[in-house]
mmCIF file of all heavy atoms, coordinates in Angstrom:
data_MODEL
# 
_entry.id   MODEL 
# 
loop_
_atom_site.group_PDB 
_atom_site.id 
_atom_site.type_symbol 
_atom_site.label_atom_id 
_atom_site.label_alt_id 
_atom_site.label_comp_id 
_atom_site.label_asym_id 
_atom_site.label_entity_id 
_atom_site.label_seq_id 
_atom_site.pdbx_PDB_ins_code 
_atom_site.Cartn_x 
_atom_site.Cartn_y 
_atom_site.Cartn_z 
_atom_site.occupancy 
_atom_site.B_iso_or_equiv 
_atom_site.pdbx_formal_charge 
_atom_site.auth_seq_id 
_atom_site.auth_comp_id 
_atom_site.auth_asym_id 
_atom_site.auth_atom_id 
_atom_site.pdbx_PDB_model_num 
ATOM 1   N N   . THR A 1 1  ? -28.668 -4.748 -14.723 1.00 0.00 ? 1  THR A N   1 
ATOM 2   C CA  . THR A 1 1  ? -28.267 -3.538 -15.450 1.00 0.00 ? 1  THR A CA  1 
ATOM 3   C C   . THR A 1 1  ? -27.708 -2.458 -14.529 1.00 0.00 ? 1  THR A C   1 
ATOM 4   O O   . THR A 1 1  ? -26.794 -1.741 -14.920 1.00 0.00 ? 1  THR A O   1 
ATOM 5   C CB  . THR A 1 1  ? -29.443 -2.958 -16.262 1.00 0.00 ? 1  THR A CB  1 
ATOM 6   O OG1 . THR A 1 1  ? -30.532 -2.699 -15.376 1.00 0.00 ? 1  THR A OG1 1 
ATOM 7   C CG2 . THR A 1 1  ? -29.861 -3.879 -17.367 1.00 0.00 ? 1  THR A CG2 1 
ATOM 8   N N   . THR A 1 2  ? -28.224 -2.344 -13.303 1.00 0.00 ? 2  THR A N   1 
ATOM 9   C CA  . THR A 1 2  ? -27.689 -1.358 -12.367 1.00 0.00 ? 2  THR A CA  1 
ATOM 10  C C   . THR A 1 2  ? -26.238 -1.670 -12.055 1.00 0.00 ? 2  THR A C   1 
ATOM 11  O O   . THR A 1 2  ? -25.383 -0.772 -12.050 1.00 0.00 ? 2  THR A O   1 
ATOM 12  C CB  . THR A 1 2  ? -28.511 -1.332 -11.056 1.00 0.00 ? 2  THR A CB  1 
ATOM 13  O OG1 . THR A 1 2  ? -29.873 -1.045 -11.380 1.00 0.00 ? 2  THR A OG1 1 
ATOM 14  C CG2 . THR A 1 2  ? -27.990 -0.293 -10.095 1.00 0.00 ? 2  THR A CG2 1 
ATOM 15  N N   . GLU A 1 3  ? -25.927 -2.939 -11.803 1.00 0.00 ? 3  GLU A N   1 
ATOM 16  C CA  . GLU A 1 3  ? -24.548 -3.338 -11.516 1.00 0.00 ? 3  GLU A CA  1 
ATOM 17  C C   . GLU A 1 3  ? -23.655 -3.091 -12.725 1.00 0.00 ? 3  GLU A C   1 
ATOM 18  O O   . GLU A 1 3  ? -22.514 -2.653 -12.579 1.00 0.00 ? 3  GLU A O   1 
ATOM 19  C CB  . GLU A 1 3  ? -24.491 -4.806 -11.100 1.00 0.00 ? 3  GLU A CB  1 
ATOM 20  C CG  . GLU A 1 3  ? -25.077 -5.071 -9.736  1.00 0.00 ? 3  GLU A CG  1 
ATOM 21  C CD  . GLU A 1 3  ? -25.111 -6.556 -9.390  1.00 0.00 ? 3  GLU A CD  1 
ATOM 22  O OE1 . GLU A 1 3  ? -24.455 -7.362 -10.084 1.00 0.00 ? 3  GLU A OE1 1 
ATOM 23  O OE2 . GLU A 1 3  ? -25.801 -6.907 -8.422  1.00 0.00 ? 3  GLU A OE2 1 
ATOM 24  N N   . GLN A 1 4  ? -24.166 -3.370 -13.918 1.00 0.00 ? 4  GLN A N   1 
ATOM 25  C CA  . GLN A 1 4  ? -23.387 -3.148 -15.136 1.00 0.00 ? 4  GLN A CA  1 
ATOM 26  C C   . GLN A 1 4  ? -23.117 -1.655 -15.337 1.00 0.00 ? 4  GLN A C   1 
ATOM 27  O O   . GLN A 1 4  ? -22.010 -1.260 -15.693 1.00 0.00 ? 4  GLN A O   1 
ATOM 28  C CB  . GLN A 1 4  ? -24.114 -3.717 -16.351 1.00 0.00 ? 4  GLN A CB  1 
ATOM 29  C CG  . GLN A 1 4  ? -24.123 -5.227 -16.382 1.00 0.00 ? 4  GLN A CG  1 
ATOM 30  C CD  . GLN A 1 4  ? -25.001 -5.781 -17.494 1.00 0.00 ? 4  GLN A CD  1 
ATOM 31  O OE1 . GLN A 1 4  ? -25.892 -5.090 -17.989 1.00 0.00 ? 4  GLN A OE1 1 
ATOM 32  N NE2 . GLN A 1 4  ? -24.754 -7.026 -17.874 1.00 0.00 ? 4  GLN A NE2 1 
ATOM 33  N N   . GLN A 1 5  ? -24.144 -0.824 -15.112 1.00 0.00 ? 5  GLN A N   1 
ATOM 34  C CA  . GLN A 1 5  ? -23.974 0.630  -15.245 1.00 0.00 ? 5  GLN A CA  1 
ATOM 35  C C   . GLN A 1 5  ? -22.955 1.141  -14.221 1.00 0.00 ? 5  GLN A C   1 
ATOM 36  O O   . GLN A 1 5  ? -22.098 1.968  -14.544 1.00 0.00 ? 5  GLN A O   1 
ATOM 37  C CB  . GLN A 1 5  ? -25.300 1.355  -15.046 1.00 0.00 ? 5  GLN A CB  1 
ATOM 38  C CG  . GLN A 1 5  ? -26.278 1.161  -16.171 1.00 0.00 ? 5  GLN A CG  1 
ATOM 39  C CD  . GLN A 1 5  ? -27.651 1.728  -15.835 1.00 0.00 ? 5  GLN A CD  1 
ATOM 40  O OE1 . GLN A 1 5  ? -28.010 1.912  -14.673 1.00 0.00 ? 5  GLN A OE1 1 
ATOM 41  N NE2 . GLN A 1 5  ? -28.430 1.997  -16.870 1.00 0.00 ? 5  GLN A NE2 1 
ATOM 42  N N   . PHE A 1 6  ? -23.057 0.644  -13.000 1.00 0.00 ? 6  PHE A N   1 
ATOM 43  C CA  . PHE A 1 6  ? -22.128 1.057  -11.945 1.00 0.00 ? 6  PHE A CA  1 
ATOM 44  C C   . PHE A 1 6  ? -20.703 0.650  -12.317 1.00 0.00 ? 6  PHE A C   1 
ATOM 45  O O   . PHE A 1 6  ? -19.779 1.462  -12.218 1.00 0.00 ? 6  PHE A O   1 
ATOM 46  C CB  . PHE A 1 6  ? -22.532 0.446  -10.596 1.00 0.00 ? 6  PHE A CB  1 
ATOM 47  C CG  . PHE A 1 6  ? -21.612 0.818  -9.471  1.00 0.00 ? 6  PHE A CG  1 
ATOM 48  C CD1 . PHE A 1 6  ? -21.670 2.079  -8.902  1.00 0.00 ? 6  PHE A CD1 1 
ATOM 49  C CD2 . PHE A 1 6  ? -20.677 -0.086 -8.982  1.00 0.00 ? 6  PHE A CD2 1 
ATOM 50  C CE1 . PHE A 1 6  ? -20.817 2.436  -7.864  1.00 0.00 ? 6  PHE A CE1 1 
ATOM 51  C CE2 . PHE A 1 6  ? -19.824 0.260  -7.946  1.00 0.00 ? 6  PHE A CE2 1 
ATOM 52  C CZ  . PHE A 1 6  ? -19.894 1.527  -7.390  1.00 0.00 ? 6  PHE A CZ  1 
ATOM 53  N N   . ALA A 1 7  ? -20.523 -0.578 -12.759 1.00 0.00 ? 7  ALA A N   1 
ATOM 54  C CA  . ALA A 1 7  ? -19.195 -1.070 -13.135 1.00 0.00 ? 7  ALA A CA  1 
ATOM 55  C C   . ALA A 1 7  ? -18.601 -0.221 -14.266 1.00 0.00 ? 7  ALA A C   1 
ATOM 56  O O   . ALA A 1 7  ? -17.419 0.129  -14.244 1.00 0.00 ? 7  ALA A O   1 
ATOM 57  C CB  . ALA A 1 7  ? -19.263 -2.542 -13.541 1.00 0.00 ? 7  ALA A CB  1 
ATOM 58  N N   . GLU A 1 8  ? -19.418 0.134  -15.235 1.00 0.00 ? 8  GLU A N   1 
ATOM 59  C CA  . GLU A 1 8  ? -18.963 0.960  -16.349 1.00 0.00 ? 8  GLU A CA  1 
ATOM 60  C C   . GLU A 1 8  ? -18.594 2.372  -15.870 1.00 0.00 ? 8  GLU A C   1 
ATOM 61  O O   . GLU A 1 8  ? -17.579 2.931  -16.277 1.00 0.00 ? 8  GLU A O   1 
ATOM 62  C CB  . GLU A 1 8  ? -20.022 1.034  -17.450 1.00 0.00 ? 8  GLU A CB  1 
ATOM 63  C CG  . GLU A 1 8  ? -19.604 1.838  -18.661 1.00 0.00 ? 8  GLU A CG  1 
ATOM 64  C CD  . GLU A 1 8  ? -18.318 1.344  -19.328 1.00 0.00 ? 8  GLU A CD  1 
ATOM 65  O OE1 . GLU A 1 8  ? -18.029 0.127  -19.288 1.00 0.00 ? 8  GLU A OE1 1 
ATOM 66  O OE2 . GLU A 1 8  ? -17.594 2.180  -19.885 1.00 0.00 ? 8  GLU A OE2 1 
ATOM 67  N N   . THR A 1 9  ? -19.405 2.922  -14.986 1.00 0.00 ? 9  THR A N   1 
ATOM 68  C CA  . THR A 1 9  ? -19.122 4.244  -14.422 1.00 0.00 ? 9  THR A CA  1 
ATOM 69  C C   . THR A 1 9  ? -17.783 4.232  -13.692 1.00 0.00 ? 9  THR A C   1 
ATOM 70  O O   . THR A 1 9  ? -16.965 5.144  -13.851 1.00 0.00 ? 9  THR A O   1 
ATOM 71  C CB  . THR A 1 9  ? -20.248 4.674  -13.456 1.00 0.00 ? 9  THR A CB  1 
ATOM 72  O OG1 . THR A 1 9  ? -21.479 4.740  -14.185 1.00 0.00 ? 9  THR A OG1 1 
ATOM 73  C CG2 . THR A 1 9  ? -19.970 6.019  -12.823 1.00 0.00 ? 9  THR A CG2 1 
ATOM 74  N N   . ILE A 1 10 ? -17.542 3.188  -12.909 1.00 0.00 ? 10 ILE A N   1 
ATOM 75  C CA  . ILE A 1 10 ? -16.281 3.072  -12.175 1.00 0.00 ? 10 ILE A CA  1 
ATOM 76  C C   . ILE A 1 10 ? -15.112 2.932  -13.144 1.00 0.00 ? 10 ILE A C   1 
ATOM 77  O O   . ILE A 1 10 ? -14.066 3.556  -12.971 1.00 0.00 ? 10 ILE A O   1 
ATOM 78  C CB  . ILE A 1 10 ? -16.323 1.900  -11.168 1.00 0.00 ? 10 ILE A CB  1 
ATOM 79  C CG1 . ILE A 1 10 ? -17.389 2.151  -10.097 1.00 0.00 ? 10 ILE A CG1 1 
ATOM 80  C CG2 . ILE A 1 10 ? -14.948 1.659  -10.540 1.00 0.00 ? 10 ILE A CG2 1 
ATOM 81  C CD1 . ILE A 1 10 ? -17.245 3.466  -9.351  1.00 0.00 ? 10 ILE A CD1 1 
ATOM 82  N N   . ARG A 1 11 ? -15.271 2.135  -14.186 1.00 0.00 ? 11 ARG A N   1 
ATOM 83  C CA  . ARG A 1 11 ? -14.205 1.987  -15.192 1.00 0.00 ? 11 ARG A CA  1 
ATOM 84  C C   . ARG A 1 11 ? -13.854 3.340  -15.808 1.00 0.00 ? 11 ARG A C   1 
ATOM 85  O O   . ARG A 1 11 ? -12.689 3.667  -16.009 1.00 0.00 ? 11 ARG A O   1 
ATOM 86  C CB  . ARG A 1 11 ? -14.633 1.015  -16.295 1.00 0.00 ? 11 ARG A CB  1 
ATOM 87  C CG  . ARG A 1 11 ? -14.179 -0.413 -16.069 1.00 0.00 ? 11 ARG A CG  1 
ATOM 88  C CD  . ARG A 1 11 ? -14.369 -1.279 -17.293 1.00 0.00 ? 11 ARG A CD  1 
ATOM 89  N NE  . ARG A 1 11 ? -15.768 -1.504 -17.640 1.00 0.00 ? 11 ARG A NE  1 
ATOM 90  C CZ  . ARG A 1 11 ? -16.573 -2.351 -17.026 1.00 0.00 ? 11 ARG A CZ  1 
ATOM 91  N NH1 . ARG A 1 11 ? -16.119 -3.070 -16.021 1.00 0.00 ? 11 ARG A NH1 1 
ATOM 92  N NH2 . ARG A 1 11 ? -17.820 -2.502 -17.390 1.00 0.00 ? 11 ARG A NH2 1 
ATOM 93  N N   . GLN A 1 12 ? -14.865 4.137  -16.098 1.00 0.00 ? 12 GLN A N   1 
ATOM 94  C CA  . GLN A 1 12 ? -14.638 5.435  -16.737 1.00 0.00 ? 12 GLN A CA  1 
ATOM 95  C C   . GLN A 1 12 ? -13.981 6.447  -15.798 1.00 0.00 ? 12 GLN A C   1 
ATOM 96  O O   . GLN A 1 12 ? -13.266 7.334  -16.250 1.00 0.00 ? 12 GLN A O   1 
ATOM 97  C CB  . GLN A 1 12 ? -15.959 6.018  -17.238 1.00 0.00 ? 12 GLN A CB  1 
ATOM 98  C CG  . GLN A 1 12 ? -16.556 5.273  -18.396 1.00 0.00 ? 12 GLN A CG  1 
ATOM 99  C CD  . GLN A 1 12 ? -17.956 5.769  -18.743 1.00 0.00 ? 12 GLN A CD  1 
ATOM 100 O OE1 . GLN A 1 12 ? -18.492 6.658  -18.099 1.00 0.00 ? 12 GLN A OE1 1 
ATOM 101 N NE2 . GLN A 1 12 ? -18.546 5.169  -19.766 1.00 0.00 ? 12 GLN A NE2 1 
ATOM 102 N N   . HIS A 1 13 ? -14.231 6.325  -14.496 1.00 0.00 ? 13 HIS A N   1 
ATOM 103 C CA  . HIS A 1 13 ? -13.781 7.346  -13.543 1.00 0.00 ? 13 HIS A CA  1 
ATOM 104 C C   . HIS A 1 13 ? -12.794 6.821  -12.502 1.00 0.00 ? 13 HIS A C   1 
ATOM 105 O O   . HIS A 1 13 ? -12.566 7.472  -11.488 1.00 0.00 ? 13 HIS A O   1 
ATOM 106 C CB  . HIS A 1 13 ? -14.999 7.970  -12.852 1.00 0.00 ? 13 HIS A CB  1 
ATOM 107 C CG  . HIS A 1 13 ? -15.917 8.649  -13.820 1.00 0.00 ? 13 HIS A CG  1 
ATOM 108 N ND1 . HIS A 1 13 ? -15.644 9.886  -14.353 1.00 0.00 ? 13 HIS A ND1 1 
ATOM 109 C CD2 . HIS A 1 13 ? -17.080 8.240  -14.375 1.00 0.00 ? 13 HIS A CD2 1 
ATOM 110 C CE1 . HIS A 1 13 ? -16.610 10.214 -15.194 1.00 0.00 ? 13 HIS A CE1 1 
ATOM 111 N NE2 . HIS A 1 13 ? -17.496 9.239  -15.226 1.00 0.00 ? 13 HIS A NE2 1 
ATOM 112 N N   . LYS A 1 14 ? -12.199 5.665  -12.785 1.00 0.00 ? 14 LYS A N   1 
ATOM 113 C CA  . LYS A 1 14 ? -11.262 5.046  -11.853 1.00 0.00 ? 14 LYS A CA  1 
ATOM 114 C C   . LYS A 1 14 ? -10.083 5.966  -11.548 1.00 0.00 ? 14 LYS A C   1 
ATOM 115 O O   . LYS A 1 14 ? -9.669  6.100  -10.397 1.00 0.00 ? 14 LYS A O   1 
ATOM 116 C CB  . LYS A 1 14 ? -10.779 3.710  -12.427 1.00 0.00 ? 14 LYS A CB  1 
ATOM 117 C CG  . LYS A 1 14 ? -9.866  2.937  -11.510 1.00 0.00 ? 14 LYS A CG  1 
ATOM 118 C CD  . LYS A 1 14 ? -9.650  1.521  -11.990 1.00 0.00 ? 14 LYS A CD  1 
ATOM 119 C CE  . LYS A 1 14 ? -8.815  1.476  -13.237 1.00 0.00 ? 14 LYS A CE  1 
ATOM 120 N NZ  . LYS A 1 14 ? -8.430  0.107  -13.621 1.00 0.00 ? 14 LYS A NZ  1 
ATOM 121 N N   . SER A 1 15 ? -9.554  6.644  -12.554 1.00 0.00 ? 15 SER A N   1 
ATOM 122 C CA  . SER A 1 15 ? -8.393  7.514  -12.331 1.00 0.00 ? 15 SER A CA  1 
ATOM 123 C C   . SER A 1 15 ? -8.754  8.695  -11.436 1.00 0.00 ? 15 SER A C   1 
ATOM 124 O O   . SER A 1 15 ? -7.924  9.143  -10.635 1.00 0.00 ? 15 SER A O   1 
ATOM 125 C CB  . SER A 1 15 ? -7.806  7.996  -13.650 1.00 0.00 ? 15 SER A CB  1 
ATOM 126 O OG  . SER A 1 15 ? -8.720  8.828  -14.319 1.00 0.00 ? 15 SER A OG  1 
ATOM 127 N N   . THR A 1 16 ? -9.970  9.197  -11.534 1.00 0.00 ? 16 THR A N   1 
ATOM 128 C CA  . THR A 1 16 ? -10.421 10.281 -10.662 1.00 0.00 ? 16 THR A CA  1 
ATOM 129 C C   . THR A 1 16 ? -10.403 9.824  -9.206  1.00 0.00 ? 16 THR A C   1 
ATOM 130 O O   . THR A 1 16 ? -9.906  10.527 -8.327  1.00 0.00 ? 16 THR A O   1 
ATOM 131 C CB  . THR A 1 16 ? -11.854 10.720 -11.045 1.00 0.00 ? 16 THR A CB  1 
ATOM 132 O OG1 . THR A 1 16 ? -11.844 11.228 -12.372 1.00 0.00 ? 16 THR A OG1 1 
ATOM 133 C CG2 . THR A 1 16 ? -12.388 11.768 -10.094 1.00 0.00 ? 16 THR A CG2 1 
ATOM 134 N N   . ILE A 1 17 ? -10.918 8.645  -8.950  1.00 0.00 ? 17 ILE A N   1 
ATOM 135 C CA  . ILE A 1 17 ? -10.968 8.106  -7.588  1.00 0.00 ? 17 ILE A CA  1 
ATOM 136 C C   . ILE A 1 17 ? -9.550  7.897  -7.055  1.00 0.00 ? 17 ILE A C   1 
ATOM 137 O O   . ILE A 1 17 ? -9.231  8.294  -5.939  1.00 0.00 ? 17 ILE A O   1 
ATOM 138 C CB  . ILE A 1 17 ? -11.773 6.790  -7.545  1.00 0.00 ? 17 ILE A CB  1 
ATOM 139 C CG1 . ILE A 1 17 ? -13.207 7.028  -8.006  1.00 0.00 ? 17 ILE A CG1 1 
ATOM 140 C CG2 . ILE A 1 17 ? -11.760 6.192  -6.141  1.00 0.00 ? 17 ILE A CG2 1 
ATOM 141 C CD1 . ILE A 1 17 ? -13.993 5.757  -8.301  1.00 0.00 ? 17 ILE A CD1 1 
ATOM 142 N N   . TYR A 1 18 ? -8.684  7.290  -7.874  1.00 0.00 ? 18 TYR A N   1 
ATOM 143 C CA  . TYR A 1 18 ? -7.304  7.059  -7.441  1.00 0.00 ? 18 TYR A CA  1 
ATOM 144 C C   . TYR A 1 18 ? -6.567  8.377  -7.188  1.00 0.00 ? 18 TYR A C   1 
ATOM 145 O O   . TYR A 1 18 ? -5.786  8.487  -6.248  1.00 0.00 ? 18 TYR A O   1 
ATOM 146 C CB  . TYR A 1 18 ? -6.531  6.218  -8.452  1.00 0.00 ? 18 TYR A CB  1 
ATOM 147 C CG  . TYR A 1 18 ? -6.644  4.741  -8.188  1.00 0.00 ? 18 TYR A CG  1 
ATOM 148 C CD1 . TYR A 1 18 ? -7.257  3.894  -9.097  1.00 0.00 ? 18 TYR A CD1 1 
ATOM 149 C CD2 . TYR A 1 18 ? -6.145  4.181  -7.015  1.00 0.00 ? 18 TYR A CD2 1 
ATOM 150 C CE1 . TYR A 1 18 ? -7.378  2.534  -8.857  1.00 0.00 ? 18 TYR A CE1 1 
ATOM 151 C CE2 . TYR A 1 18 ? -6.251  2.827  -6.761  1.00 0.00 ? 18 TYR A CE2 1 
ATOM 152 C CZ  . TYR A 1 18 ? -6.867  2.013  -7.679  1.00 0.00 ? 18 TYR A CZ  1 
ATOM 153 O OH  . TYR A 1 18 ? -6.979  0.670  -7.424  1.00 0.00 ? 18 TYR A OH  1 
ATOM 154 N N   . THR A 1 19 ? -6.814  9.385  -8.001  1.00 0.00 ? 19 THR A N   1 
ATOM 155 C CA  . THR A 1 19 ? -6.176  10.683 -7.811  1.00 0.00 ? 19 THR A CA  1 
ATOM 156 C C   . THR A 1 19 ? -6.516  11.243 -6.432  1.00 0.00 ? 19 THR A C   1 
ATOM 157 O O   . THR A 1 19 ? -5.637  11.708 -5.705  1.00 0.00 ? 19 THR A O   1 
ATOM 158 C CB  . THR A 1 19 ? -6.622  11.672 -8.909  1.00 0.00 ? 19 THR A CB  1 
ATOM 159 O OG1 . THR A 1 19 ? -6.222  11.161 -10.177 1.00 0.00 ? 19 THR A OG1 1 
ATOM 160 C CG2 . THR A 1 19 ? -5.998  13.046 -8.706  1.00 0.00 ? 19 THR A CG2 1 
ATOM 161 N N   . VAL A 1 20 ? -7.785  11.186 -6.070  1.00 0.00 ? 20 VAL A N   1 
ATOM 162 C CA  . VAL A 1 20 ? -8.208  11.674 -4.756  1.00 0.00 ? 20 VAL A CA  1 
ATOM 163 C C   . VAL A 1 20 ? -7.555  10.848 -3.652  1.00 0.00 ? 20 VAL A C   1 
ATOM 164 O O   . VAL A 1 20 ? -7.000  11.396 -2.698  1.00 0.00 ? 20 VAL A O   1 
ATOM 165 C CB  . VAL A 1 20 ? -9.750  11.652 -4.624  1.00 0.00 ? 20 VAL A CB  1 
ATOM 166 C CG1 . VAL A 1 20 ? -10.180 11.984 -3.203  1.00 0.00 ? 20 VAL A CG1 1 
ATOM 167 C CG2 . VAL A 1 20 ? -10.390 12.611 -5.614  1.00 0.00 ? 20 VAL A CG2 1 
ATOM 168 N N   . CYS A 1 21 ? -7.583  9.543  -3.782  1.00 0.00 ? 21 CYS A N   1 
ATOM 169 C CA  . CYS A 1 21 ? -7.004  8.661  -2.748  1.00 0.00 ? 21 CYS A CA  1 
ATOM 170 C C   . CYS A 1 21 ? -5.512  8.921  -2.566  1.00 0.00 ? 21 CYS A C   1 
ATOM 171 O O   . CYS A 1 21 ? -5.023  8.964  -1.433  1.00 0.00 ? 21 CYS A O   1 
ATOM 172 C CB  . CYS A 1 21 ? -7.250  7.195  -3.094  1.00 0.00 ? 21 CYS A CB  1 
ATOM 173 S SG  . CYS A 1 21 ? -8.987  6.706  -3.042  1.00 0.00 ? 21 CYS A SG  1 
ATOM 174 N N   . TYR A 1 22 ? -4.789  9.122  -3.664  1.00 0.00 ? 22 TYR A N   1 
ATOM 175 C CA  . TYR A 1 22 ? -3.345  9.352  -3.569  1.00 0.00 ? 22 TYR A CA  1 
ATOM 176 C C   . TYR A 1 22 ? -3.012  10.689 -2.909  1.00 0.00 ? 22 TYR A C   1 
ATOM 177 O O   . TYR A 1 22 ? -1.925  10.861 -2.390  1.00 0.00 ? 22 TYR A O   1 
ATOM 178 C CB  . TYR A 1 22 ? -2.668  9.259  -4.937  1.00 0.00 ? 22 TYR A CB  1 
ATOM 179 C CG  . TYR A 1 22 ? -2.258  7.848  -5.280  1.00 0.00 ? 22 TYR A CG  1 
ATOM 180 C CD1 . TYR A 1 22 ? -2.912  7.147  -6.279  1.00 0.00 ? 22 TYR A CD1 1 
ATOM 181 C CD2 . TYR A 1 22 ? -1.234  7.210  -4.598  1.00 0.00 ? 22 TYR A CD2 1 
ATOM 182 C CE1 . TYR A 1 22 ? -2.557  5.843  -6.587  1.00 0.00 ? 22 TYR A CE1 1 
ATOM 183 C CE2 . TYR A 1 22 ? -0.861  5.911  -4.896  1.00 0.00 ? 22 TYR A CE2 1 
ATOM 184 C CZ  . TYR A 1 22 ? -1.532  5.237  -5.896  1.00 0.00 ? 22 TYR A CZ  1 
ATOM 185 O OH  . TYR A 1 22 ? -1.170  3.942  -6.183  1.00 0.00 ? 22 TYR A OH  1 
ATOM 186 N N   . MET A 1 23 ? -3.944  11.628 -2.908  1.00 0.00 ? 23 MET A N   1 
ATOM 187 C CA  . MET A 1 23 ? -3.696  12.896 -2.228  1.00 0.00 ? 23 MET A CA  1 
ATOM 188 C C   . MET A 1 23 ? -3.819  12.765 -0.708  1.00 0.00 ? 23 MET A C   1 
ATOM 189 O O   . MET A 1 23 ? -3.431  13.650 0.030   1.00 0.00 ? 23 MET A O   1 
ATOM 190 C CB  . MET A 1 23 ? -4.647  13.982 -2.732  1.00 0.00 ? 23 MET A CB  1 
ATOM 191 C CG  . MET A 1 23 ? -4.327  14.453 -4.130  1.00 0.00 ? 23 MET A CG  1 
ATOM 192 S SD  . MET A 1 23 ? -2.589  14.920 -4.390  1.00 0.00 ? 23 MET A SD  1 
ATOM 193 C CE  . MET A 1 23 ? -2.405  16.250 -3.228  1.00 0.00 ? 23 MET A CE  1 
ATOM 194 N N   . PHE A 1 24 ? -4.353  11.649 -0.249  1.00 0.00 ? 24 PHE A N   1 
ATOM 195 C CA  . PHE A 1 24 ? -4.543  11.463 1.181   1.00 0.00 ? 24 PHE A CA  1 
ATOM 196 C C   . PHE A 1 24 ? -3.637  10.392 1.771   1.00 0.00 ? 24 PHE A C   1 
ATOM 197 O O   . PHE A 1 24 ? -3.664  10.162 2.973   1.00 0.00 ? 24 PHE A O   1 
ATOM 198 C CB  . PHE A 1 24 ? -6.016  11.142 1.484   1.00 0.00 ? 24 PHE A CB  1 
ATOM 199 C CG  . PHE A 1 24 ? -6.882  12.360 1.365   1.00 0.00 ? 24 PHE A CG  1 
ATOM 200 C CD1 . PHE A 1 24 ? -7.441  12.716 0.155   1.00 0.00 ? 24 PHE A CD1 1 
ATOM 201 C CD2 . PHE A 1 24 ? -7.105  13.176 2.465   1.00 0.00 ? 24 PHE A CD2 1 
ATOM 202 C CE1 . PHE A 1 24 ? -8.215  13.857 0.039   1.00 0.00 ? 24 PHE A CE1 1 
ATOM 203 C CE2 . PHE A 1 24 ? -7.877  14.308 2.364   1.00 0.00 ? 24 PHE A CE2 1 
ATOM 204 C CZ  . PHE A 1 24 ? -8.435  14.658 1.142   1.00 0.00 ? 24 PHE A CZ  1 
ATOM 205 N N   . SER A 1 25 ? -2.844  9.743  0.944   1.00 0.00 ? 25 SER A N   1 
ATOM 206 C CA  . SER A 1 25 ? -1.917  8.747  1.464   1.00 0.00 ? 25 SER A CA  1 
ATOM 207 C C   . SER A 1 25 ? -0.788  8.504  0.471   1.00 0.00 ? 25 SER A C   1 
ATOM 208 O O   . SER A 1 25 ? -0.981  8.596  -0.739  1.00 0.00 ? 25 SER A O   1 
ATOM 209 C CB  . SER A 1 25 ? -2.633  7.426  1.732   1.00 0.00 ? 25 SER A CB  1 
ATOM 210 O OG  . SER A 1 25 ? -1.728  6.474  2.228   1.00 0.00 ? 25 SER A OG  1 
ATOM 211 N N   . LYS A 1 26 ? 0.379   8.168  1.023   1.00 0.00 ? 26 LYS A N   1 
ATOM 212 C CA  . LYS A 1 26 ? 1.526   7.809  0.190   1.00 0.00 ? 26 LYS A CA  1 
ATOM 213 C C   . LYS A 1 26 ? 1.694   6.300  0.133   1.00 0.00 ? 26 LYS A C   1 
ATOM 214 O O   . LYS A 1 26 ? 2.483   5.791  -0.635  1.00 0.00 ? 26 LYS A O   1 
ATOM 215 C CB  . LYS A 1 26 ? 2.801   8.434  0.751   1.00 0.00 ? 26 LYS A CB  1 
ATOM 216 C CG  . LYS A 1 26 ? 2.807   9.934  0.728   1.00 0.00 ? 26 LYS A CG  1 
ATOM 217 C CD  . LYS A 1 26 ? 4.091   10.464 1.327   1.00 0.00 ? 26 LYS A CD  1 
ATOM 218 C CE  . LYS A 1 26 ? 4.061   11.974 1.394   1.00 0.00 ? 26 LYS A CE  1 
ATOM 219 N NZ  . LYS A 1 26 ? 5.264   12.537 1.964   1.00 0.00 ? 26 LYS A NZ  1 
ATOM 220 N N   . ASP A 1 27 ? 0.963   5.594  0.974   1.00 0.00 ? 27 ASP A N   1 
ATOM 221 C CA  . ASP A 1 27 ? 1.098   4.146  1.098   1.00 0.00 ? 27 ASP A CA  1 
ATOM 222 C C   . ASP A 1 27 ? 0.149   3.443  0.123   1.00 0.00 ? 27 ASP A C   1 
ATOM 223 O O   . ASP A 1 27 ? -1.066  3.658  0.168   1.00 0.00 ? 27 ASP A O   1 
ATOM 224 C CB  . ASP A 1 27 ? 0.783   3.743  2.547   1.00 0.00 ? 27 ASP A CB  1 
ATOM 225 C CG  . ASP A 1 27 ? 0.865   2.261  2.748   1.00 0.00 ? 27 ASP A CG  1 
ATOM 226 O OD1 . ASP A 1 27 ? 1.982   1.741  2.907   1.00 0.00 ? 27 ASP A OD1 1 
ATOM 227 O OD2 . ASP A 1 27 ? -0.213  1.624  2.749   1.00 0.00 ? 27 ASP A OD2 1 
ATOM 228 N N   . ASN A 1 28 ? 0.693   2.608  -0.756  1.00 0.00 ? 28 ASN A N   1 
ATOM 229 C CA  . ASN A 1 28 ? -0.129  1.946  -1.777  1.00 0.00 ? 28 ASN A CA  1 
ATOM 230 C C   . ASN A 1 28 ? -1.228  1.075  -1.181  1.00 0.00 ? 28 ASN A C   1 
ATOM 231 O O   . ASN A 1 28 ? -2.339  1.036  -1.711  1.00 0.00 ? 28 ASN A O   1 
ATOM 232 C CB  . ASN A 1 28 ? 0.748   1.106  -2.712  1.00 0.00 ? 28 ASN A CB  1 
ATOM 233 C CG  . ASN A 1 28 ? 1.513   1.969  -3.683  1.00 0.00 ? 28 ASN A CG  1 
ATOM 234 O OD1 . ASN A 1 28 ? 1.125   3.093  -3.991  1.00 0.00 ? 28 ASN A OD1 1 
ATOM 235 N ND2 . ASN A 1 28 ? 2.630   1.453  -4.166  1.00 0.00 ? 28 ASN A ND2 1 
ATOM 236 N N   . ASP A 1 29 ? -0.927  0.362  -0.092  1.00 0.00 ? 29 ASP A N   1 
ATOM 237 C CA  . ASP A 1 29 ? -1.953  -0.477 0.533   1.00 0.00 ? 29 ASP A CA  1 
ATOM 238 C C   . ASP A 1 29 ? -3.086  0.377  1.086   1.00 0.00 ? 29 ASP A C   1 
ATOM 239 O O   . ASP A 1 29 ? -4.265  0.047  0.939   1.00 0.00 ? 29 ASP A O   1 
ATOM 240 C CB  . ASP A 1 29 ? -1.358  -1.322 1.663   1.00 0.00 ? 29 ASP A CB  1 
ATOM 241 C CG  . ASP A 1 29 ? -0.421  -2.404 1.139   1.00 0.00 ? 29 ASP A CG  1 
ATOM 242 O OD1 . ASP A 1 29 ? -0.586  -2.815 -0.031  1.00 0.00 ? 29 ASP A OD1 1 
ATOM 243 O OD2 . ASP A 1 29 ? 0.472   -2.827 1.893   1.00 0.00 ? 29 ASP A OD2 1 
# 
């Protein structure tokens, strides 16, 4: 259940994480 909760949390907030990452790099890799 912890892994399932974590996976769901990441699914819900994936765009937030990507937004932060894109502010620190222009390179997709």
